[in-house]
Amino acid sequence: MKKIAVFLIMVLAISSCSKDFLNETNPNSLASDNFWKTSGDVDKALAGVFSQLQSNDFYNGNSSGQNAGVYRLDFISDNGYCNYDFINGAAVARGDYSPTDGLINSFWTACYKMIQRSNDFLANVDRVKEVTEANRNTMKAEVRFLRALAYHHLAMCYRDAPLITSPQTLQEAKVPKNTYKELSDFVIKELNEITTGTTLPVTVTKGRVSRGAALALLARFYLYNKNYTEAAATAQKVIDLNVYNLNTTYNTLFTIAGETSRDIIFAVQYAGPGLAAGVGASFNGYFPAAPQVHTVALPNLANAYYCTDGLPITRSPLYNASNPTLNRDPRFNATVVTTNSLFRGAAILATNLAPTKIRLRKWADESAANSTNAFDNGQDFYVLRYAEVLLTRAEALLESGSYTEQQVRDLVNQVRTRATMPKVEVVEGTGLTKQQLIDIVRQERRVETAFEGLRYYDLKRWGILKERAVDVFNSIDKAAATSIQTRNFVPSRHYVWPIPQREIDANSALVQHPEWQ
């Protein structure tokens, strides 16, 4: 059973977080006279740290679209778009955002709430001797993982931000920003330290942090930082644990029934209304019985899925333009809906496909039990998966220059085989160039991990954000989709988000990025 109830206890035990993390009392400060006494206090505090993952501004969202976090990043890429101008992320996608934008403010705050709660836990847990040292060390490693997760998002979006590693008093609150390198070095150091030894368990306990999770996040961050040799070696460490596999079919994986899959390394857990109202997932919500309307998949993503012969739709004789659901990579129908698709077991109406004839299926709970409250359901969000680790190693090997074609093909083929798609050598052949292999890995990464919060970061690190997120989007036939606005791009600004203006106003030591001054 998902351990959400203890999260609710913590919400009641801890006062709500402030909006300005740098100029307010730590929202997780608990009176030392009556807390940090028993193992129960430790459990509540740990649950409070984990519960921040479920924030509407971190890994969840809400029905109005005005709260959004990691999931919304795909909708400022070439995978999808925000269907309404007012929702968080829409302005970032259009390129007309500013330091006062909703997503810019809310995502920053969500990350620092996680950091605040983590710092408070780490500063106080050793006071409780009722908990064994071994258990305390494991919990501290889990919390350090969560704090590193938050800092990795801050670094990827804002580049430079304050590095805060202990609880702050009001007198200590005005701090300058640290550089991207300082944030990056901290994340890598933390993850390396907690994966050394046996502090974190190898076996996966649902909803908790394992050694594999810390290694997988470290491999991802090494890749983001172009530390390719380290990324490849760290991904191999995850593989060598022999804990994970791709045995779950893809169309089952992104359902509640698939949440126990060994493909899932770390997930944000949601219980749904069966345990208590309002503690379920809403990032994947929709209004029955139509697919999600406030965020929409793009035709370019739909067209990226090959046919079952392993060929693009522009080359495959199997492609049927009048029924694009036929003869496609199974991940196509598991990810999007279009003409002739079924949604919740019924034919989808053309009016529910406007304006681009493509909508999102991935993550949607289509079960009968979800017919009345699609914005409060039990679908977990998968933060780290084994398939990503395999593709991370393949890309890192290629970019490092130290690889064999067989190594890369074997990694990609594991992902393709689970999707029942032909192997690389069957379609693309052998004797492939490095660039051909890179293109294969990037293609596989896109169709495998769409709407998992990775695409935006991938486009940024590859340096093709304009070409993909802007130019591809602007190529949509506006006559057929009149509600879609044009995206703009300013290179000096759109590879780094601004520091929220309210934080600049509250903290005299914090200086805005030069690109945004």
Protein backbone atom coordinates (compact mmCIF):
# COMPACT_ATOMS: atom_id res chain seq x y z
CA MET A 1 0.00 0.00 0.00
CA LYS A 2 1.22 3.47 -0.78
CA LYS A 3 2.44 5.28 2.29
CA ILE A 4 0.56 8.54 1.85
CA ALA A 5 -1.17 8.59 5.21
CA VAL A 6 2.05 9.35 7.04
CA PHE A 7 2.62 12.23 4.63
CA LEU A 8 -0.69 13.72 5.70
CA ILE A 9 0.36 13.45 9.33
CA MET A 10 3.48 15.42 8.50
CA VAL A 11 1.52 18.10 6.69
CA LEU A 12 -0.39 18.69 9.90
CA ALA A 13 2.75 18.57 12.00
CA ILE A 14 4.71 21.08 9.97
CA SER A 15 3.65 24.63 9.29
CA SER A 16 3.17 25.63 5.66
CA CYS A 17 6.13 26.89 3.66
CA SER A 18 6.62 30.56 2.96
CA LYS A 19 6.76 32.04 -0.51
CA ASP A 20 10.11 33.74 -0.07
CA PHE A 21 12.56 31.11 1.06
CA LEU A 22 15.38 33.58 1.70
CA ASN A 23 13.68 36.05 4.01
CA GLU A 24 11.34 33.98 6.15
CA THR A 25 11.75 31.63 9.07
CA ASN A 26 12.36 28.05 7.99
CA PRO A 27 8.83 26.63 7.54
CA ASN A 28 9.97 23.28 8.86
CA SER A 29 11.45 24.54 12.10
CA LEU A 30 9.91 22.53 14.89
CA ALA A 31 10.18 23.48 18.54
CA SER A 32 13.21 21.62 19.87
CA ASP A 33 11.53 21.23 23.25
CA ASN A 34 8.74 19.03 21.91
CA PHE A 35 10.08 17.46 18.72
CA TRP A 36 13.04 15.35 17.64
CA LYS A 37 12.51 13.15 20.67
CA THR A 38 11.20 9.82 19.38
CA SER A 39 11.38 7.52 16.37
CA GLY A 40 7.86 8.67 15.57
CA ASP A 41 9.11 12.24 15.26
CA VAL A 42 11.78 11.05 12.83
CA ASP A 43 9.20 9.17 10.75
CA LYS A 44 7.02 12.29 10.53
CA ALA A 45 9.94 14.48 9.55
CA LEU A 46 11.11 12.02 6.90
CA ALA A 47 7.59 11.82 5.51
CA GLY A 48 7.52 15.60 5.37
CA VAL A 49 10.59 15.63 3.15
CA PHE A 50 9.18 12.96 0.82
CA SER A 51 5.79 14.65 0.66
CA GLN A 52 7.29 17.70 -1.05
CA LEU A 53 7.77 15.50 -4.12
CA GLN A 54 3.96 15.47 -4.42
CA SER A 55 3.71 19.24 -4.51
CA ASN A 56 1.63 20.65 -7.37
CA ASP A 57 4.67 22.75 -8.27
CA PHE A 58 7.21 19.91 -8.20
CA TYR A 59 6.07 16.52 -9.54
CA ASN A 60 2.32 17.06 -9.63
CA GLY A 61 0.01 19.71 -11.08
CA ASN A 62 -3.67 20.65 -10.92
CA SER A 63 -6.77 20.82 -13.05
CA SER A 64 -6.53 24.54 -13.75
CA GLY A 65 -3.00 24.20 -15.09
CA GLN A 66 -1.83 27.08 -12.91
CA ASN A 67 0.35 24.77 -10.85
CA ALA A 68 3.04 22.82 -12.63
CA GLY A 69 6.47 21.35 -12.16
CA VAL A 70 8.67 18.76 -13.84
CA TYR A 71 5.86 17.24 -15.91
CA ARG A 72 5.13 20.59 -17.56
CA LEU A 73 8.67 20.78 -18.98
CA ASP A 74 7.69 18.49 -21.85
CA PHE A 75 5.11 21.06 -22.91
CA ILE A 76 7.73 23.72 -23.52
CA SER A 77 9.62 21.32 -25.79
CA ASP A 78 8.79 19.77 -29.16
CA ASN A 79 6.76 17.04 -27.47
CA GLY A 80 3.77 19.15 -26.46
CA TYR A 81 2.36 22.59 -25.77
CA CYS A 82 0.21 24.43 -23.26
CA ASN A 83 -3.25 24.76 -24.77
CA TYR A 84 -4.18 27.81 -22.68
CA ASP A 85 -2.18 31.03 -22.51
CA PHE A 86 -2.66 31.49 -18.79
CA ILE A 87 -1.33 28.21 -17.43
CA ASN A 88 2.13 27.85 -15.92
CA GLY A 89 4.67 27.09 -18.61
CA ALA A 90 2.80 28.68 -21.50
CA ALA A 91 4.76 31.93 -21.38
CA VAL A 92 8.09 30.08 -21.11
CA ALA A 93 7.14 28.02 -24.16
CA ARG A 94 6.16 31.16 -26.11
CA GLY A 95 9.38 32.90 -25.14
CA ASP A 96 7.73 35.96 -23.61
CA TYR A 97 8.29 35.17 -19.95
CA SER A 98 9.97 37.34 -17.32
CA PRO A 99 11.29 37.09 -13.73
CA THR A 100 7.69 37.41 -12.51
CA ASP A 101 6.36 34.45 -14.52
CA GLY A 102 4.34 31.83 -12.65
CA LEU A 103 6.45 28.78 -13.56
CA ILE A 104 9.69 30.65 -12.91
CA ASN A 105 8.51 31.47 -9.38
CA SER A 106 6.70 28.27 -8.44
CA PHE A 107 9.36 25.80 -9.57
CA TRP A 108 12.09 27.73 -7.73
CA THR A 109 9.98 27.73 -4.56
CA ALA A 110 9.15 24.04 -4.86
CA CYS A 111 12.83 23.12 -5.13
CA TYR A 112 13.80 25.23 -2.15
CA LYS A 113 11.00 23.84 -0.02
CA MET A 114 12.51 20.41 -0.62
CA ILE A 115 15.94 21.80 0.28
CA GLN A 116 14.63 23.45 3.46
CA ARG A 117 12.94 20.31 4.69
CA SER A 118 16.03 18.24 3.85
CA ASN A 119 18.37 20.60 5.68
CA ASP A 120 16.16 20.60 8.75
CA PHE A 121 16.04 16.80 8.81
CA LEU A 122 19.78 16.40 8.37
CA ALA A 123 20.54 18.95 11.08
CA ASN A 124 18.36 17.27 13.70
CA VAL A 125 17.92 13.55 13.11
CA ASP A 126 21.06 12.56 15.03
CA ARG A 127 19.48 13.96 18.19
CA VAL A 128 17.07 11.01 18.31
CA LYS A 129 19.05 8.14 19.83
CA GLU A 130 15.98 5.92 19.86
CA VAL A 131 16.64 5.31 16.16
CA THR A 132 19.66 3.12 15.46
CA GLU A 133 22.67 4.70 13.83
CA ALA A 134 22.32 2.42 10.80
CA ASN A 135 18.71 3.47 10.23
CA ARG A 136 19.56 7.14 10.73
CA ASN A 137 22.36 6.88 8.20
CA THR A 138 20.05 5.29 5.65
CA MET A 139 17.42 7.99 6.13
CA LYS A 140 20.04 10.72 5.89
CA ALA A 141 21.25 9.24 2.60
CA GLU A 142 17.68 9.24 1.27
CA VAL A 143 17.21 12.88 2.21
CA ARG A 144 20.52 13.85 0.65
CA PHE A 145 19.29 12.18 -2.55
CA LEU A 146 16.10 14.27 -2.48
CA ARG A 147 18.06 17.46 -1.85
CA ALA A 148 20.40 16.60 -4.74
CA LEU A 149 17.36 15.99 -6.95
CA ALA A 150 16.12 19.51 -6.20
CA TYR A 151 19.51 21.08 -6.85
CA HIS A 152 19.87 19.21 -10.14
CA HIS A 153 16.61 20.83 -11.29
CA LEU A 154 17.73 24.27 -10.11
CA ALA A 155 21.01 23.93 -11.98
CA MET A 156 19.33 22.76 -15.18
CA CYS A 157 16.75 25.55 -15.21
CA TYR A 158 18.28 28.56 -13.42
CA ARG A 159 21.98 27.75 -13.85
CA ASP A 160 23.14 29.79 -10.81
CA ALA A 161 21.28 29.72 -7.49
CA PRO A 162 22.03 29.85 -3.76
CA LEU A 163 23.59 26.65 -2.41
CA ILE A 164 22.09 26.25 1.07
CA THR A 165 23.03 23.14 3.03
CA SER A 166 21.89 23.89 6.58
CA PRO A 167 18.87 25.51 8.28
CA GLN A 168 18.94 29.30 8.14
CA THR A 169 18.09 31.93 10.70
CA LEU A 170 16.71 35.30 9.59
CA GLN A 171 20.16 36.77 10.16
CA GLU A 172 21.66 34.23 7.75
CA ALA A 173 18.97 34.44 5.09
CA LYS A 174 20.47 37.00 2.73
CA VAL A 175 22.87 34.93 0.65
CA PRO A 176 24.28 35.35 -2.87
CA LYS A 177 23.83 32.86 -5.66
CA ASN A 178 26.36 30.15 -6.36
CA THR A 179 27.62 29.27 -9.81
CA TYR A 180 26.36 26.37 -11.90
CA LYS A 181 29.70 24.63 -11.31
CA GLU A 182 29.31 24.93 -7.55
CA LEU A 183 25.80 23.51 -7.69
CA SER A 184 26.90 20.76 -10.06
CA ASP A 185 29.92 19.83 -7.94
CA PHE A 186 27.68 19.63 -4.87
CA VAL A 187 25.13 17.34 -6.55
CA ILE A 188 27.84 15.03 -7.85
CA LYS A 189 29.68 14.94 -4.51
CA GLU A 190 26.49 14.19 -2.57
CA LEU A 191 25.39 11.39 -4.88
CA ASN A 192 28.85 9.86 -4.99
CA GLU A 193 29.06 9.82 -1.21
CA ILE A 194 25.68 8.20 -0.61
CA THR A 195 26.32 5.50 -3.19
CA THR A 196 29.57 4.47 -1.50
CA GLY A 197 29.32 1.58 0.92
CA THR A 198 26.08 -0.06 1.99
CA THR A 199 24.14 2.86 3.48
CA LEU A 200 21.43 2.70 0.83
CA PRO A 201 19.78 -0.67 0.16
CA VAL A 202 20.23 -2.42 -3.16
CA THR A 203 16.79 -3.99 -3.12
CA VAL A 204 13.99 -1.70 -4.20
CA THR A 205 11.38 -0.72 -1.60
CA LYS A 206 8.50 1.05 -3.30
CA GLY A 207 8.55 4.76 -2.57
CA ARG A 208 11.98 4.76 -0.90
CA VAL A 209 15.46 5.58 -2.20
CA SER A 210 17.74 2.73 -3.21
CA ARG A 211 21.37 2.71 -4.25
CA GLY A 212 20.18 2.25 -7.81
CA ALA A 213 18.17 5.47 -7.61
CA ALA A 214 21.16 7.50 -6.43
CA LEU A 215 23.37 5.96 -9.11
CA ALA A 216 20.76 6.54 -11.83
CA LEU A 217 20.39 10.22 -10.90
CA LEU A 218 24.18 10.56 -10.80
CA ALA A 219 24.50 8.98 -14.26
CA ARG A 220 21.85 11.36 -15.60
CA PHE A 221 23.55 14.40 -14.12
CA TYR A 222 26.97 13.33 -15.39
CA LEU A 223 25.37 13.09 -18.85
CA TYR A 224 23.81 16.54 -18.50
CA ASN A 225 27.25 17.90 -17.60
CA LYS A 226 28.94 16.14 -20.53
CA ASN A 227 31.04 14.04 -18.16
CA TYR A 228 30.57 11.13 -20.55
CA THR A 229 33.11 8.68 -19.18
CA GLU A 230 31.66 9.01 -15.68
CA ALA A 231 28.09 8.82 -17.00
CA ALA A 232 28.80 5.57 -18.84
CA ALA A 233 30.58 4.01 -15.87
CA THR A 234 27.87 5.05 -13.40
CA ALA A 235 25.08 3.74 -15.63
CA GLN A 236 26.96 0.44 -15.79
CA LYS A 237 26.95 0.31 -11.98
CA VAL A 238 23.15 0.44 -12.07
CA ILE A 239 23.10 -2.39 -14.61
CA ASP A 240 25.53 -4.44 -12.51
CA LEU A 241 23.18 -4.32 -9.51
CA ASN A 242 21.05 -6.92 -11.36
CA VAL A 243 17.93 -5.51 -9.75
CA TYR A 244 16.16 -3.91 -12.72
CA ASN A 245 14.71 -5.20 -15.98
CA LEU A 246 12.36 -4.31 -18.84
CA ASN A 247 9.97 -7.22 -18.45
CA THR A 248 6.82 -5.09 -18.11
CA THR A 249 5.13 -4.28 -21.41
CA TYR A 250 5.20 -0.60 -22.27
CA ASN A 251 1.43 -0.15 -22.52
CA THR A 252 1.05 -1.61 -19.02
CA LEU A 253 3.98 0.27 -17.50
CA PHE A 254 2.30 3.69 -17.32
CA THR A 255 -0.77 2.45 -15.49
CA ILE A 256 -1.40 1.73 -11.83
CA ALA A 257 -1.01 -1.97 -12.62
CA GLY A 258 2.53 -1.28 -13.84
CA GLU A 259 3.79 0.53 -10.76
CA THR A 260 5.61 -2.51 -9.37
CA SER A 261 7.67 -2.95 -12.54
CA ARG A 262 11.40 -3.48 -12.16
CA ASP A 263 11.85 -0.81 -14.82
CA ILE A 264 10.95 1.78 -12.18
CA ILE A 265 13.95 2.84 -10.13
CA PHE A 266 12.37 5.75 -8.24
CA ALA A 267 8.82 7.12 -8.32
CA VAL A 268 6.71 9.78 -6.67
CA GLN A 269 3.82 7.88 -5.14
CA TYR A 270 0.15 8.83 -5.15
CA ALA A 271 -2.64 6.96 -3.42
CA GLY A 272 -5.74 8.33 -5.10
CA PRO A 273 -9.07 9.04 -3.40
CA GLY A 274 -9.39 5.50 -2.07
CA LEU A 275 -7.25 6.39 0.97
CA ALA A 276 -8.09 10.06 1.47
CA ALA A 277 -9.49 12.74 -0.78
CA GLY A 278 -7.00 15.13 -2.33
CA VAL A 279 -3.84 13.03 -1.92
CA GLY A 280 -3.85 11.58 -5.41
CA ALA A 281 -2.15 12.56 -8.63
CA SER A 282 -3.51 15.35 -10.78
CA PHE A 283 -0.62 15.95 -13.21
CA ASN A 284 -2.28 13.38 -15.50
CA GLY A 285 -5.84 14.57 -14.93
CA TYR A 286 -8.48 14.91 -17.61
CA PHE A 287 -12.17 15.61 -17.82
CA PRO A 288 -13.97 12.32 -18.55
CA ALA A 289 -14.21 11.05 -21.11
CA ALA A 290 -11.82 13.14 -23.23
CA PRO A 291 -8.00 13.22 -23.07
CA GLN A 292 -6.14 15.96 -21.23
CA VAL A 293 -7.06 19.37 -22.63
CA HIS A 294 -4.85 21.96 -20.89
CA THR A 295 -1.65 20.29 -22.12
CA VAL A 296 -1.54 18.67 -25.54
CA ALA A 297 0.84 16.42 -27.46
CA LEU A 298 2.30 17.74 -30.72
CA PRO A 299 2.02 16.12 -34.18
CA ASN A 300 5.81 16.19 -34.45
CA LEU A 301 6.07 13.76 -31.55
CA ALA A 302 3.37 11.51 -32.97
CA ASN A 303 5.17 11.40 -36.30
CA ALA A 304 8.42 10.45 -34.58
CA TYR A 305 7.12 6.96 -33.76
CA TYR A 306 8.18 4.47 -36.40
CA CYS A 307 6.11 1.72 -37.96
CA THR A 308 6.47 -1.86 -36.78
CA ASP A 309 9.02 -2.55 -39.52
CA GLY A 310 11.35 -0.07 -37.76
CA LEU A 311 11.08 2.55 -40.49
CA PRO A 312 9.91 6.18 -40.15
CA ILE A 313 6.40 6.88 -41.40
CA THR A 314 7.92 8.80 -44.33
CA ARG A 315 9.59 5.59 -45.59
CA SER A 316 7.50 2.71 -44.34
CA PRO A 317 4.98 1.02 -46.69
CA LEU A 318 3.04 0.06 -43.57
CA TYR A 319 2.03 3.62 -42.74
CA ASN A 320 -1.65 4.43 -43.25
CA ALA A 321 -2.28 8.17 -43.13
CA SER A 322 -6.05 7.65 -42.84
CA ASN A 323 -5.54 5.43 -39.78
CA PRO A 324 -2.18 6.37 -38.21
CA THR A 325 -2.72 4.01 -35.27
CA LEU A 326 -2.11 0.93 -37.45
CA ASN A 327 1.26 -0.82 -37.68
CA ARG A 328 3.00 1.60 -35.32
CA ASP A 329 5.60 1.22 -32.61
CA PRO A 330 3.42 0.15 -29.63
CA ARG A 331 4.73 3.15 -27.72
CA PHE A 332 2.76 5.35 -30.13
CA ASN A 333 -0.64 4.12 -28.95
CA ALA A 334 0.57 4.01 -25.35
CA THR A 335 1.63 7.67 -25.50
CA VAL A 336 -0.84 9.55 -27.72
CA VAL A 337 -4.33 9.28 -29.15
CA THR A 338 -5.40 10.38 -32.61
CA THR A 339 -7.90 9.53 -35.35
CA ASN A 340 -9.26 5.98 -34.84
CA SER A 341 -7.83 5.72 -31.32
CA LEU A 342 -9.82 4.35 -28.42
CA PHE A 343 -9.85 6.27 -25.14
CA ARG A 344 -11.46 4.72 -22.07
CA GLY A 345 -12.58 1.91 -24.36
CA ALA A 346 -14.56 4.13 -26.74
CA ALA A 347 -13.79 5.74 -30.09
CA ILE A 348 -12.39 9.19 -29.56
CA LEU A 349 -14.44 12.06 -30.98
CA ALA A 350 -12.92 14.40 -33.55
CA THR A 351 -13.91 17.37 -31.39
CA ASN A 352 -11.71 15.97 -28.63
CA LEU A 353 -8.70 16.00 -30.94
CA ALA A 354 -8.79 19.66 -31.94
CA PRO A 355 -6.77 21.58 -32.92
CA THR A 356 -3.90 19.29 -34.01
CA LYS A 357 -5.57 15.82 -34.09
CA ILE A 358 -3.16 14.61 -31.40
CA ARG A 359 -3.79 14.28 -27.67
CA LEU A 360 -1.97 12.71 -24.75
CA ARG A 361 -2.68 9.23 -23.39
CA LYS A 362 0.48 8.44 -21.40
CA TRP A 363 -0.10 8.44 -17.63
CA ALA A 364 -3.91 8.72 -18.00
CA ASP A 365 -5.85 6.45 -15.65
CA GLU A 366 -8.49 5.06 -18.01
CA SER A 367 -9.95 2.62 -15.52
CA ALA A 368 -13.65 2.60 -14.70
CA ALA A 369 -12.77 3.50 -11.12
CA ASN A 370 -11.38 6.80 -12.37
CA SER A 371 -14.55 7.92 -14.10
CA THR A 372 -15.54 10.56 -11.56
CA ASN A 373 -12.31 12.14 -10.34
CA ALA A 374 -9.53 12.04 -12.89
CA PHE A 375 -7.65 14.81 -11.04
CA ASP A 376 -7.27 12.73 -7.87
CA ASN A 377 -5.97 9.35 -8.95
CA GLY A 378 -3.38 6.81 -7.91
CA GLN A 379 -0.92 6.95 -10.79
CA ASP A 380 2.71 7.32 -9.67
CA PHE A 381 5.13 9.59 -11.53
CA TYR A 382 8.32 7.77 -12.50
CA VAL A 383 11.37 9.94 -11.82
CA LEU A 384 13.99 7.38 -12.83
CA ARG A 385 13.65 4.29 -15.02
CA TYR A 386 15.99 1.50 -16.09
CA ALA A 387 15.28 2.18 -19.78
CA GLU A 388 16.67 5.69 -19.35
CA VAL A 389 19.79 4.27 -17.68
CA LEU A 390 20.43 1.98 -20.68
CA LEU A 391 20.06 4.88 -23.11
CA THR A 392 22.20 7.12 -20.90
CA ARG A 393 25.01 4.57 -21.07
CA ALA A 394 24.62 4.22 -24.84
CA GLU A 395 24.79 7.98 -25.41
CA ALA A 396 27.65 8.45 -22.96
CA LEU A 397 29.72 5.70 -24.57
CA LEU A 398 29.25 7.31 -27.98
CA GLU A 399 30.05 10.83 -26.82
CA SER A 400 33.10 9.64 -24.87
CA GLY A 401 34.50 8.13 -28.07
CA SER A 402 35.25 4.90 -26.21
CA TYR A 403 32.70 2.44 -27.52
CA THR A 404 32.06 -0.46 -29.81
CA GLU A 405 29.09 -0.50 -32.12
CA GLN A 406 28.01 -3.79 -30.57
CA GLN A 407 27.91 -2.21 -27.10
CA VAL A 408 25.65 0.60 -28.26
CA ARG A 409 23.40 -1.66 -30.32
CA ASP A 410 22.95 -4.08 -27.43
CA LEU A 411 21.82 -1.27 -25.10
CA VAL A 412 19.37 0.22 -27.60
CA ASN A 413 18.11 -3.23 -28.58
CA GLN A 414 17.08 -3.98 -24.99
CA VAL A 415 14.76 -0.97 -25.11
CA ARG A 416 13.49 -1.77 -28.59
CA THR A 417 12.90 -5.44 -27.78
CA ARG A 418 10.65 -4.55 -24.83
CA ALA A 419 8.65 -2.40 -27.26
CA THR A 420 8.56 -5.36 -29.72
CA MET A 421 10.40 -3.28 -32.30
CA PRO A 422 13.11 -4.61 -34.65
CA LYS A 423 16.71 -4.51 -33.52
CA VAL A 424 19.10 -1.89 -34.84
CA GLU A 425 21.06 -4.30 -37.04
CA VAL A 426 17.85 -5.59 -38.64
CA VAL A 427 16.77 -2.13 -39.85
CA GLU A 428 19.70 0.27 -39.80
CA GLY A 429 22.31 -2.43 -40.41
CA THR A 430 25.86 -2.55 -39.10
CA GLY A 431 29.01 -0.55 -39.75
CA LEU A 432 27.22 2.60 -38.61
CA THR A 433 29.01 5.90 -38.06
CA LYS A 434 29.17 7.58 -34.69
CA GLN A 435 26.66 10.22 -35.80
CA GLN A 436 24.27 7.57 -37.11
CA LEU A 437 24.40 5.83 -33.74
CA ILE A 438 23.91 9.12 -31.87
CA ASP A 439 20.82 9.84 -33.99
CA ILE A 440 19.47 6.35 -33.19
CA VAL A 441 19.99 6.81 -29.45
CA ARG A 442 18.39 10.28 -29.45
CA GLN A 443 15.40 8.99 -31.39
CA GLU A 444 14.98 6.08 -28.97
CA ARG A 445 15.31 8.35 -25.95
CA ARG A 446 12.55 10.61 -27.25
CA VAL A 447 9.93 7.96 -28.01
CA GLU A 448 10.74 5.94 -24.89
CA THR A 449 10.66 8.79 -22.35
CA ALA A 450 8.13 11.27 -23.75
CA PHE A 451 6.29 13.22 -21.03
CA GLU A 452 8.66 12.09 -18.27
CA GLY A 453 10.20 15.54 -17.84
CA LEU A 454 13.40 14.85 -19.79
CA ARG A 455 12.91 16.25 -23.29
CA TYR A 456 13.32 19.95 -22.41
CA TYR A 457 16.58 19.25 -20.61
CA ASP A 458 17.78 17.10 -23.52
CA LEU A 459 17.14 19.86 -26.05
CA LYS A 460 18.98 22.38 -23.86
CA ARG A 461 22.05 20.19 -23.33
CA TRP A 462 22.19 19.27 -27.02
CA GLY A 463 22.01 22.97 -27.93
CA ILE A 464 18.99 22.55 -30.21
CA LEU A 465 16.26 24.20 -28.17
CA LYS A 466 15.47 26.73 -30.89
CA GLU A 467 15.51 24.24 -33.74
CA ARG A 468 13.24 21.77 -31.96
CA ALA A 469 11.09 23.57 -29.39
CA VAL A 470 10.59 26.74 -31.43
CA ASP A 471 11.10 26.14 -35.15
CA VAL A 472 9.34 22.77 -35.20
CA PHE A 473 6.44 24.20 -33.23
CA ASN A 474 6.13 27.20 -35.54
CA SER A 475 5.92 24.86 -38.52
CA ILE A 476 2.45 23.69 -37.44
CA ASP A 477 -0.22 24.60 -39.96
CA LYS A 478 -1.75 27.61 -38.21
CA ALA A 479 -4.69 27.64 -40.64
CA ALA A 480 -5.73 24.24 -39.29
CA ALA A 481 -4.87 25.15 -35.69
CA THR A 482 -5.73 28.81 -35.28
CA SER A 483 -5.58 28.70 -31.47
CA ILE A 484 -1.85 27.96 -31.48
CA GLN A 485 0.39 30.95 -30.99
CA THR A 486 3.87 31.46 -32.38
CA ARG A 487 6.87 30.68 -30.19
CA ASN A 488 9.72 33.18 -30.03
CA PHE A 489 13.34 32.62 -29.11
CA VAL A 490 16.00 34.93 -27.65
CA PRO A 491 19.23 32.88 -27.42
CA SER A 492 20.83 34.98 -24.68
CA ARG A 493 17.85 34.41 -22.38
CA HIS A 494 16.15 31.17 -23.21
CA TYR A 495 18.90 28.81 -22.17
CA VAL A 496 18.70 30.10 -18.61
CA TRP A 497 15.64 30.96 -16.53
CA PRO A 498 15.73 34.21 -14.53
CA ILE A 499 15.86 34.28 -10.77
CA PRO A 500 12.33 35.11 -9.55
CA GLN A 501 11.95 38.85 -9.07
CA ARG A 502 10.39 38.45 -5.64
CA GLU A 503 13.56 36.72 -4.44
CA ILE A 504 15.71 39.54 -5.83
CA ASP A 505 13.47 42.06 -4.04
CA ALA A 506 13.65 40.17 -0.75
CA ASN A 507 17.38 39.47 -0.75
CA SER A 508 19.83 42.30 -1.35
CA ALA A 509 22.68 39.79 -1.79
CA LEU A 510 20.98 38.06 -4.70
CA VAL A 511 21.81 39.46 -8.14
CA GLN A 512 19.85 38.71 -11.31
CA HIS A 513 21.56 36.84 -14.14
CA PRO A 514 23.27 39.23 -16.60
CA GLU A 515 21.02 37.96 -19.41
CA TRP A 516 17.95 39.10 -17.49
CA GLN A 517 19.12 42.42 -16.04
